[in-house]
Protein backbone atom coordinates (compact mmCIF):
# COMPACT_ATOMS: atom_id res chain seq x y z
CA MET A 1 -42.13 -5.52 46.17
CA ALA A 2 -38.71 -5.00 44.19
CA ALA A 3 -38.87 -3.36 40.89
CA PRO A 4 -38.25 -5.73 37.96
CA SER A 5 -34.74 -5.64 36.68
CA ASN A 6 -34.15 -4.38 33.19
CA SER A 7 -32.43 -7.26 31.31
CA THR A 8 -32.13 -5.19 28.13
CA ARG A 9 -28.58 -4.54 26.96
CA LYS A 10 -27.38 -1.79 24.85
CA PHE A 11 -25.74 -2.59 21.41
CA LEU A 12 -23.29 0.04 19.92
CA GLY A 13 -23.52 2.07 23.08
CA ARG A 14 -20.61 4.38 24.17
CA LEU A 15 -17.28 2.67 24.68
CA SER A 16 -15.40 2.93 27.85
CA LEU A 17 -12.58 5.57 27.80
CA PRO A 18 -9.70 2.91 27.78
CA GLU A 19 -11.53 0.96 25.01
CA ARG A 20 -12.15 4.10 22.99
CA THR A 21 -8.44 5.15 23.33
CA PHE A 22 -7.24 1.70 22.18
CA VAL A 23 -9.69 1.74 19.21
CA ALA A 24 -8.61 5.16 18.19
CA ASP A 25 -4.91 4.27 18.31
CA ALA A 26 -5.42 1.02 16.45
CA LEU A 27 -7.60 2.42 13.73
CA ARG A 28 -5.32 5.38 13.17
CA ALA A 29 -2.46 3.11 12.12
CA GLU A 30 -4.87 0.86 10.05
CA THR A 31 -6.24 4.03 8.26
CA VAL A 32 -2.69 5.12 7.20
CA GLY A 33 -1.96 1.48 6.19
CA GLY A 34 -5.27 1.49 4.24
CA VAL A 35 -4.31 4.47 2.24
CA LEU A 36 -0.95 2.95 1.39
CA LEU A 37 -2.79 -0.31 0.43
CA LEU A 38 -5.08 1.61 -1.88
CA VAL A 39 -2.08 3.28 -3.50
CA ALA A 40 -0.28 -0.08 -3.84
CA ALA A 41 -3.31 -1.72 -5.37
CA ILE A 42 -3.65 1.17 -8.00
CA ALA A 43 0.14 1.05 -8.73
CA ALA A 44 -0.11 -2.73 -9.27
CA LEU A 45 -2.96 -2.27 -11.71
CA ILE A 46 -1.15 0.48 -13.62
CA TRP A 47 2.08 -1.53 -13.62
CA ALA A 48 0.31 -4.67 -14.92
CA ASN A 49 -1.80 -2.99 -17.57
CA VAL A 50 0.62 -0.39 -19.20
CA PRO A 51 2.03 -2.38 -22.13
CA ALA A 52 5.50 -1.01 -21.74
CA LEU A 53 5.60 -1.97 -18.03
CA ARG A 54 3.68 -5.24 -18.07
CA ASP A 55 6.78 -7.45 -18.70
CA SER A 56 8.79 -5.90 -15.95
CA TYR A 57 5.91 -6.45 -13.50
CA GLU A 58 5.74 -10.15 -14.34
CA SER A 59 9.50 -10.45 -14.15
CA VAL A 60 9.76 -8.91 -10.71
CA ARG A 61 6.63 -10.72 -9.41
CA ASP A 62 7.93 -14.13 -10.59
CA PHE A 63 11.65 -13.72 -9.69
CA HIS A 64 12.85 -16.42 -7.26
CA LEU A 65 15.06 -15.99 -4.37
CA GLY A 66 15.80 -17.69 -1.12
CA PRO A 67 17.74 -20.76 0.18
CA ALA A 68 16.60 -23.74 -1.99
CA ALA A 69 18.13 -26.18 0.52
CA LEU A 70 15.68 -25.07 3.13
CA GLY A 71 12.73 -25.39 0.76
CA LEU A 72 12.38 -21.58 0.68
CA ASP A 73 13.28 -20.80 -3.01
CA LEU A 74 10.22 -18.73 -3.53
CA SER A 75 9.00 -16.09 -6.00
CA VAL A 76 8.59 -12.53 -4.89
CA GLN A 77 4.82 -12.79 -4.99
CA HIS A 78 5.13 -16.03 -2.87
CA TRP A 79 7.28 -14.30 -0.30
CA ALA A 80 4.80 -11.48 -0.04
CA ALA A 81 1.80 -13.99 0.41
CA ASP A 82 3.46 -16.45 2.79
CA GLY A 83 6.20 -14.26 4.37
CA LEU A 84 4.97 -10.71 4.74
CA LEU A 85 1.33 -11.76 5.51
CA ALA A 86 2.72 -13.71 8.48
CA VAL A 87 3.43 -10.34 9.99
CA PHE A 88 -0.23 -9.26 9.30
CA PHE A 89 -1.64 -12.34 10.99
CA PHE A 90 0.77 -11.90 13.88
CA VAL A 91 -0.79 -8.56 14.49
CA ALA A 92 -4.30 -10.23 14.02
CA GLY A 93 -3.44 -12.77 16.60
CA ILE A 94 -2.49 -10.15 19.16
CA GLU A 95 -5.74 -8.23 18.43
CA LEU A 96 -7.73 -11.43 18.83
CA LYS A 97 -6.04 -12.19 22.17
CA ARG A 98 -6.66 -8.73 23.42
CA GLU A 99 -10.27 -8.85 22.46
CA LEU A 100 -10.61 -12.13 24.41
CA VAL A 101 -8.98 -10.96 27.54
CA ALA A 102 -9.49 -7.19 27.69
CA GLY A 103 -11.82 -6.27 24.88
CA ASP A 104 -15.54 -6.79 24.01
CA LEU A 105 -15.02 -10.47 23.45
CA ARG A 106 -14.08 -11.14 27.13
CA ASP A 107 -17.75 -10.86 28.16
CA PRO A 108 -19.72 -13.75 26.53
CA ARG A 109 -23.03 -11.69 26.64
CA ALA A 110 -21.35 -8.69 24.86
CA ALA A 111 -19.44 -11.00 22.48
CA VAL A 112 -22.50 -12.95 21.21
CA LEU A 113 -23.59 -10.13 18.90
CA PRO A 114 -20.42 -9.24 17.09
CA VAL A 115 -19.37 -12.81 16.82
CA ALA A 116 -22.82 -13.79 15.49
CA ALA A 117 -22.58 -10.92 13.00
CA ALA A 118 -19.11 -11.94 11.89
CA VAL A 119 -20.04 -15.61 11.43
CA CYS A 120 -23.26 -14.73 9.41
CA GLY A 121 -21.07 -12.26 7.41
CA MET A 122 -18.90 -15.13 6.35
CA VAL A 123 -21.55 -17.93 6.01
CA VAL A 124 -23.94 -16.00 3.84
CA PRO A 125 -21.36 -14.86 1.23
CA ALA A 126 -20.09 -18.49 0.94
CA LEU A 127 -23.70 -19.58 0.41
CA VAL A 128 -24.25 -16.89 -2.20
CA TYR A 129 -21.14 -18.02 -4.05
CA THR A 130 -22.02 -21.67 -3.81
CA LEU A 131 -25.62 -21.07 -5.02
CA VAL A 132 -24.38 -18.96 -8.01
CA ASN A 133 -21.83 -21.69 -8.99
CA VAL A 134 -24.12 -24.65 -8.47
CA THR A 135 -26.80 -22.89 -10.69
CA GLY A 136 -24.21 -21.75 -13.21
CA GLY A 137 -22.05 -24.80 -13.27
CA GLY A 138 -18.99 -23.17 -12.00
CA SER A 139 -16.16 -24.25 -9.74
CA LEU A 140 -16.89 -24.39 -5.90
CA SER A 141 -13.13 -24.03 -5.01
CA GLY A 142 -13.58 -20.36 -4.46
CA TRP A 143 -16.35 -20.42 -1.89
CA ALA A 144 -14.19 -18.83 0.74
CA VAL A 145 -12.98 -15.86 -1.30
CA PRO A 146 -15.85 -13.42 -0.52
CA THR A 147 -15.93 -14.32 3.22
CA ALA A 148 -13.17 -12.02 4.31
CA THR A 149 -13.30 -8.26 5.26
CA ASP A 150 -10.30 -5.94 4.81
CA ILE A 151 -10.32 -3.53 7.74
CA ALA A 152 -7.51 -1.43 6.41
CA PHE A 153 -9.17 -0.91 3.08
CA ALA A 154 -12.49 -0.14 4.75
CA LEU A 155 -10.94 2.54 6.87
CA ALA A 156 -9.12 4.01 3.87
CA VAL A 157 -12.57 4.29 2.35
CA LEU A 158 -13.73 6.10 5.41
CA ALA A 159 -10.76 8.51 5.21
CA VAL A 160 -11.45 9.16 1.57
CA ILE A 161 -15.28 9.99 1.88
CA GLY A 162 -14.47 11.94 5.10
CA THR A 163 -17.20 10.57 7.37
CA SER A 164 -16.94 11.10 11.05
CA LEU A 165 -18.00 7.67 12.12
CA PRO A 166 -18.72 7.35 15.87
CA SER A 167 -16.27 5.25 17.94
CA ALA A 168 -18.90 2.62 18.70
CA LEU A 169 -19.43 1.82 15.01
CA ARG A 170 -15.74 1.98 14.28
CA ALA A 171 -15.20 -0.62 17.21
CA PHE A 172 -17.97 -2.72 15.87
CA LEU A 173 -16.18 -2.89 12.46
CA LEU A 174 -12.82 -3.66 14.11
CA THR A 175 -14.32 -6.42 16.17
CA LEU A 176 -16.04 -7.85 13.10
CA ALA A 177 -12.64 -7.80 11.31
CA VAL A 178 -10.83 -9.54 14.23
CA VAL A 179 -13.33 -12.26 14.34
CA ASP A 180 -13.37 -12.44 10.52
CA ASP A 181 -9.59 -12.90 10.55
CA LEU A 182 -9.79 -15.69 13.09
CA PHE A 183 -12.18 -17.71 10.95
CA ALA A 184 -10.14 -16.86 7.73
CA ILE A 185 -7.15 -18.44 9.47
CA LEU A 186 -9.24 -21.51 10.37
CA ILE A 187 -10.40 -21.81 6.75
CA ILE A 188 -6.86 -21.50 5.41
CA ALA A 189 -5.61 -24.11 7.82
CA VAL A 190 -8.36 -26.55 7.34
CA PHE A 191 -9.33 -26.35 3.77
CA PHE A 192 -6.22 -25.36 2.04
CA THR A 193 -3.72 -27.78 3.58
CA GLU A 194 -2.96 -30.29 0.82
CA ARG A 195 -0.15 -32.35 2.55
CA ILE A 196 1.45 -32.44 5.94
CA ASP A 197 5.15 -33.05 6.64
CA PHE A 198 4.89 -34.30 10.22
CA ALA A 199 8.66 -33.85 10.98
CA ALA A 200 8.48 -30.18 9.96
CA LEU A 201 5.17 -29.67 11.83
CA GLY A 202 6.63 -31.32 14.98
CA GLY A 203 9.59 -28.94 14.66
CA ALA A 204 7.27 -25.92 14.33
CA VAL A 205 5.17 -27.04 17.30
CA LEU A 206 8.42 -27.45 19.37
CA GLY A 207 9.52 -24.00 18.33
CA LEU A 208 6.18 -22.54 19.33
CA VAL A 209 6.48 -24.19 22.75
CA VAL A 210 9.97 -22.68 23.19
CA PHE A 211 8.53 -19.17 22.14
CA TRP A 212 5.77 -19.74 24.80
CA LEU A 213 8.21 -20.72 27.53
CA LEU A 214 10.43 -17.80 26.84
CA LEU A 215 7.51 -15.49 27.07
CA ARG A 216 6.39 -17.08 30.38
CA LYS A 217 9.99 -16.72 31.79
CA ASN A 218 9.84 -13.02 30.86
CA VAL A 219 12.88 -13.32 28.65
CA ARG A 220 13.39 -10.03 26.75
CA GLY A 221 15.18 -9.06 23.55
CA TRP A 222 14.17 -8.89 20.02
CA TYR A 223 17.42 -10.76 19.13
CA VAL A 224 15.93 -13.84 20.80
CA TYR A 225 12.44 -13.77 19.46
CA VAL A 226 12.88 -12.62 15.81
CA PRO A 227 15.30 -15.40 14.87
CA LEU A 228 12.92 -17.95 16.69
CA ALA A 229 9.95 -16.52 14.81
CA LEU A 230 11.70 -16.91 11.53
CA VAL A 231 12.70 -20.52 12.25
CA ASN A 232 9.00 -21.33 13.35
CA TRP A 233 7.78 -19.64 10.14
CA GLY A 234 10.09 -21.68 7.98
CA LEU A 235 9.22 -24.94 9.68
CA MET A 236 5.51 -24.18 9.46
CA TYR A 237 5.80 -23.40 5.71
CA ASN A 238 7.64 -26.67 5.02
CA SER A 239 5.05 -28.52 7.08
CA GLY A 240 2.48 -27.89 4.39
CA ILE A 241 0.26 -25.76 6.57
CA HIS A 242 0.16 -22.16 5.40
CA ALA A 243 3.01 -20.22 7.02
CA THR A 244 0.82 -17.41 8.29
CA ILE A 245 -0.52 -19.84 10.93
CA ALA A 246 2.89 -19.50 12.71
CA GLY A 247 2.25 -15.74 12.88
CA VAL A 248 -1.07 -15.88 14.40
CA ALA A 249 -0.06 -18.57 16.87
CA MET A 250 2.73 -16.45 18.16
CA GLY A 251 0.47 -13.53 18.45
CA LEU A 252 -2.05 -15.45 20.51
CA MET A 253 0.76 -16.34 22.95
CA LEU A 254 1.56 -12.83 23.99
CA ARG A 255 0.14 -11.65 27.27
CA CYS A 256 -2.39 -8.97 26.71
CA HIS A 257 -3.67 -8.23 30.25
CA ARG A 258 -1.88 -5.64 32.30
CA HIS A 259 -0.32 -6.03 35.58
CA GLU A 260 -0.81 -3.34 38.21
CA SER A 261 2.52 -1.60 37.62
CA GLU A 262 2.13 -1.68 33.79
CA GLU A 263 0.82 1.07 31.53
CA HIS A 264 0.72 -1.37 28.54
CA SER A 265 0.79 -5.16 28.49
CA PRO A 266 3.55 -6.85 26.44
CA GLY A 267 1.01 -7.70 23.66
CA GLU A 268 -0.18 -4.05 23.50
CA HIS A 269 3.43 -2.91 23.41
CA ILE A 270 4.59 -5.27 20.65
CA GLU A 271 1.35 -4.66 18.67
CA HIS A 272 2.16 -0.91 18.73
CA LEU A 273 5.65 -1.55 17.46
CA VAL A 274 4.66 -4.17 14.81
CA ARG A 275 1.40 -2.75 13.52
CA PRO A 276 3.10 0.03 11.39
CA LEU A 277 5.27 -2.59 9.78
CA SER A 278 2.19 -4.75 8.98
CA ALA A 279 -0.08 -1.96 7.80
CA GLY A 280 2.53 0.29 6.24
CA LEU A 281 4.82 -2.17 4.54
CA ALA A 282 3.76 -5.95 4.68
CA VAL A 283 0.16 -5.60 3.42
CA PRO A 284 0.88 -2.91 0.77
CA LEU A 285 3.68 -4.99 -0.69
CA PHE A 286 1.37 -8.05 -0.78
CA ALA A 287 -1.12 -5.89 -2.67
CA LEU A 288 1.55 -4.72 -4.98
CA PHE A 289 2.39 -8.20 -6.27
CA SER A 290 -1.10 -9.79 -5.86
CA ALA A 291 -3.48 -7.11 -7.35
CA GLY A 292 -1.75 -6.61 -10.69
CA VAL A 293 -4.24 -8.35 -12.99
CA VAL A 294 -4.70 -7.42 -16.64
CA VAL A 295 -8.05 -5.61 -16.95
CA SER A 296 -9.81 -5.03 -20.24
CA GLY A 297 -13.31 -4.22 -21.25
CA GLY A 298 -13.89 -7.82 -22.15
CA ALA A 299 -12.45 -9.05 -18.81
CA LEU A 300 -14.61 -6.65 -16.90
CA GLY A 301 -17.73 -7.87 -18.72
CA ASP A 302 -16.81 -11.51 -18.04
CA VAL A 303 -16.81 -10.81 -14.27
CA PHE A 304 -20.58 -10.51 -14.36
CA THR A 305 -21.13 -13.53 -16.70
CA ARG A 306 -18.73 -16.21 -15.38
CA PRO A 307 -20.16 -18.02 -12.26
CA GLU A 308 -16.98 -18.02 -10.23
CA THR A 309 -16.39 -14.31 -10.70
CA LEU A 310 -20.14 -13.27 -10.36
CA GLY A 311 -20.26 -15.40 -7.14
CA VAL A 312 -17.50 -13.35 -5.69
CA VAL A 313 -19.01 -10.00 -6.54
CA LEU A 314 -22.51 -10.91 -5.19
CA GLY A 315 -20.86 -12.51 -2.18
CA LEU A 316 -18.99 -9.35 -1.24
CA VAL A 317 -21.74 -6.94 -2.11
CA VAL A 318 -24.86 -8.75 -1.16
CA GLY A 319 -23.79 -11.72 0.98
CA LYS A 320 -21.68 -9.53 3.40
CA ALA A 321 -24.33 -6.83 3.88
CA VAL A 322 -27.20 -9.35 4.35
CA GLY A 323 -25.14 -11.65 6.55
CA ILE A 324 -23.82 -9.12 8.95
CA PHE A 325 -27.07 -7.00 9.09
CA GLY A 326 -29.24 -10.08 9.35
CA GLY A 327 -27.07 -11.78 11.92
CA THR A 328 -26.92 -8.59 14.05
CA TRP A 329 -30.71 -7.99 13.90
CA LEU A 330 -31.64 -11.57 14.70
CA THR A 331 -29.11 -11.87 17.56
CA ALA A 332 -30.38 -8.59 19.00
CA ARG A 333 -34.02 -9.66 18.61
CA PHE A 334 -33.50 -12.99 20.47
CA THR A 335 -30.96 -11.73 23.21
CA LYS A 336 -33.08 -8.65 24.00
CA ALA A 337 -30.17 -6.33 23.15
CA SER A 338 -31.49 -2.86 22.16
CA LEU A 339 -29.71 -0.53 19.77
CA SER A 340 -28.11 2.66 21.33
CA GLU A 341 -30.52 5.64 21.23
CA ASP A 342 -27.89 7.51 19.28
CA LEU A 343 -27.96 5.22 16.32
CA ALA A 344 -30.49 3.43 14.02
CA TRP A 345 -30.47 0.14 12.08
CA PRO A 346 -29.57 1.87 8.83
CA ASP A 347 -26.22 2.70 10.46
CA VAL A 348 -25.64 -1.08 11.03
CA LEU A 349 -26.63 -1.70 7.37
CA ALA A 350 -24.02 0.96 6.23
CA VAL A 351 -21.29 -0.73 8.24
CA ALA A 352 -22.29 -4.14 6.98
CA SER A 353 -21.97 -2.87 3.47
CA LEU A 354 -18.61 -1.42 4.30
CA ALA A 355 -17.43 -4.84 5.47
CA GLY A 356 -18.07 -6.10 1.91
CA ILE A 357 -14.68 -4.56 1.07
CA GLY A 358 -12.66 -7.72 0.90
CA PHE A 359 -9.10 -7.47 -0.38
CA THR A 360 -5.99 -8.78 1.40
CA VAL A 361 -7.32 -12.14 2.79
CA SER A 362 -9.64 -12.52 -0.19
CA LEU A 363 -6.74 -12.27 -2.70
CA LEU A 364 -4.74 -14.69 -0.53
CA ILE A 365 -7.55 -17.29 -0.47
CA ASP A 366 -7.97 -16.86 -4.12
CA GLU A 367 -4.32 -17.79 -4.76
CA LEU A 368 -4.79 -20.85 -2.61
CA ALA A 369 -8.15 -21.85 -4.04
CA PHE A 370 -7.13 -21.61 -7.80
CA LYS A 371 -3.47 -22.39 -7.43
CA GLY A 372 -3.36 -24.57 -10.65
CA GLU A 373 -5.59 -22.22 -12.63
CA PRO A 374 -3.72 -18.87 -13.03
CA VAL A 375 -6.18 -17.49 -15.60
CA LEU A 376 -9.11 -18.12 -13.46
CA ALA A 377 -7.29 -16.83 -10.37
CA ASP A 378 -6.63 -13.55 -12.12
CA GLU A 379 -10.29 -13.28 -13.14
CA VAL A 380 -11.35 -13.87 -9.53
CA LYS A 381 -8.83 -11.17 -8.42
CA ALA A 382 -10.54 -8.85 -10.74
CA ALA A 383 -13.85 -9.86 -9.36
CA VAL A 384 -12.51 -9.07 -5.73
CA LEU A 385 -11.49 -5.61 -6.82
CA ILE A 386 -14.79 -4.87 -8.62
CA GLY A 387 -16.97 -6.32 -5.72
CA SER A 388 -14.92 -4.35 -3.16
CA LEU A 389 -15.31 -1.21 -5.24
CA ILE A 390 -19.06 -1.59 -5.49
CA ALA A 391 -19.30 -2.33 -1.81
CA ALA A 392 -17.24 0.83 -1.04
CA VAL A 393 -19.39 3.05 -3.24
CA LEU A 394 -22.62 1.71 -1.70
CA ALA A 395 -21.34 2.02 1.83
CA GLY A 396 -20.07 5.54 1.08
CA VAL A 397 -23.58 6.55 -0.13
CA LEU A 398 -25.16 5.10 2.91
CA LEU A 399 -22.74 6.62 5.29
CA LYS A 400 -22.89 10.10 3.70
CA MET A 401 -26.71 10.13 4.10
CA ARG A 402 -26.22 9.96 7.92
CA ASN A 403 -22.95 11.97 8.12
CA ALA A 404 -24.57 15.00 9.80
CA LYS A 405 -25.66 12.66 12.63
CA TYR A 406 -22.31 11.03 12.85
CA ARG A 407 -20.51 14.40 12.95
CA GLY A 408 -22.66 15.51 15.88
CA LEU A 409 -21.89 12.31 17.80
CA TRP A 410 -18.23 12.59 16.94
CA GLU A 411 -18.03 16.16 18.13
CA ASP A 412 -19.76 15.18 21.50
CA GLU A 413 -17.19 12.45 21.87
CA GLU A 414 -14.23 14.84 21.13
CA ARG A 415 -15.40 17.88 23.17
CA ASP A 416 -13.01 18.74 26.11
CA GLU A 417 -14.00 22.10 27.38
CA ASP A 418 -12.05 21.93 30.67
CA ARG A 419 -8.90 20.78 28.60
CA ASP A 420 -7.82 18.01 30.93
CA GLY A 421 -7.29 15.53 28.11
CA ILE A 422 -10.51 13.56 28.78
CA PRO A 423 -13.59 14.08 26.68
CA ASP A 424 -16.39 15.77 28.70
CA ILE A 425 -18.78 13.01 27.86
CA TYR A 426 -16.86 10.66 30.11
CA GLU A 427 -16.80 12.97 33.09
CA GLN A 428 -20.43 13.68 33.79
CA ASP A 429 -20.32 11.64 37.03
CA ASN A 430 -17.14 13.35 38.22
CA PRO A 431 -17.69 16.20 40.73
CA ALA A 432 -14.27 17.65 40.02
CA TYR A 433 -15.28 18.10 36.37
CA HIS A 434 -18.32 20.06 37.25
CA LEU A 435 -16.31 22.31 39.70
CA ARG A 436 -13.85 22.95 36.91
CA MET A 437 -16.64 23.84 34.40
CA ALA A 438 -18.29 26.00 37.14
CA ALA A 439 -15.04 27.97 37.53
CA ILE A 440 -14.60 28.21 33.68
CA HIS A 441 -18.27 29.56 33.29
CA GLU A 442 -17.81 31.96 36.21
CA GLY A 443 -14.80 33.36 34.59
CA LYS A 444 -16.65 33.74 31.34
CA ALA A 445 -19.65 35.31 33.19
CA ALA A 446 -17.33 37.81 34.95
CA GLU A 447 -15.80 38.66 31.54
CA HIS A 448 -19.23 39.14 29.99
CA ARG A 449 -20.31 41.36 32.94
CA ARG A 450 -17.16 43.51 32.46
CA LEU A 451 -17.81 43.78 28.69
CA ALA A 452 -21.61 44.67 29.30
CA ALA A 453 -20.51 47.49 31.77
CA GLU A 454 -18.01 48.83 29.21
CA LYS A 455 -20.66 48.74 26.43
CA ALA A 456 -23.21 50.44 28.69
CA ALA A 457 -20.77 53.18 29.65
CA GLU A 458 -19.82 53.69 26.02
CA ARG A 459 -23.58 54.01 24.96
CA GLN A 460 -24.05 56.48 27.82
CA ARG A 461 -21.30 58.67 26.53
CA LEU A 462 -22.51 58.52 23.00
CA ALA A 463 -26.04 59.45 24.20
CA GLU A 464 -24.69 62.48 26.16
CA VAL A 465 -22.63 63.68 23.23
CA ALA A 466 -25.70 63.30 20.84
CA GLY A 467 -27.83 65.29 23.40
CA GLY A 468 -25.27 68.10 23.65
CA ALA A 469 -25.09 68.44 19.86
CA SER A 470 -28.97 68.59 19.67
CA GLU A 471 -29.07 71.50 22.26
CA GLU A 472 -26.47 73.49 20.34
CA SER A 473 -28.31 73.16 17.00
CA ASN A 474 -31.65 74.41 18.66
CA GLY A 475 -29.89 77.67 20.10
CA PRO A 476 -30.04 81.16 18.38
CA ALA A 477 -28.23 81.67 15.13
């Protein structure tokens, strides 16, 4: 009689080596971008709150430029939100495509858990915001503000607190952010489109079709795609649909699976080139011109008394943590997915709390949700900053409590005693690895035997010298 098969799947288990390499490279760029994002946000707050500088900040932020004939006479802040963030969403589109064809999301069974966690991590904050505002008589327009996670800011927090988070938890956070970005794009497209210019939209669709055909024909050259991307962006903007949708659409069109002769797919190659521009320039500049809100003691106090701002804070701090943790636990419970032996459920709670750091997309949705109410929009921006700060502190405390465990797992993942460029933990089934390690240990053993012989001979000489000295001292005077 055959043994029963074990249908239990592992959640947050060790990544495959290619996936681990990709995650490490992606998160390295995002971490640097996150630090720049943090610096830009602090600079914006200083620029907007120092009395001698405040007027210059508003003048630069509200300065208009661009061809009015094309409907693109926009403020600097508007260019940052609609233009630069299109680059961010272009990278998000590539990430999503890669996850769907080569990452964790390609396997429906493996994708269920992070997708469910991400969806619950957006639904619960929206419900928290809605409940607070229905109870307090506030505006429901901002329900989507606390639904987004800022992966770059979260990684910057990890860099600042110095935790050695294992790659499985980092990959889970990255997958959450990718799915989060997808639903944020859908929210922006569906709920924040007030009018549609069908002529411009038709032109944008035609431009996207041309973009797709050129990719399928393997046409190469940035001088072809960059001008076409700018035209598509301009048409999408004038259609009334948020222009960042053009960025994610073009990102999704790139091929992200590798052919046999390729080391990297076109999507991976372009993502590698564009990600530093997104993380290092586009997103920090958006933060510089969006995070500059006037903060005072009274304004900070109002954050916890006004329903719109309180809903955002509670949505980010409580809603995100409860939603992601609850969604993960329930999905694991009903799909019989067991947690990796190396981790515990408090680790999932810590990552869920870290996902409460909502910045880039939250600020963008805030500007769309409260477009006609600049005072309320600024107050909600302050709530996003405060909620993200509280979530960061809470996550930092939870992660630090487990940092010794994380460091041990991280060191195991990084150890490469045979120095072949592949961590030893991935070579346990490779006979050649064990032969290399045997040779290394035999060499060390031979060296230790030589040292032991030398030390024994040295002790013998010392004993003989001591014995001779004793005999001389016992002789006649």
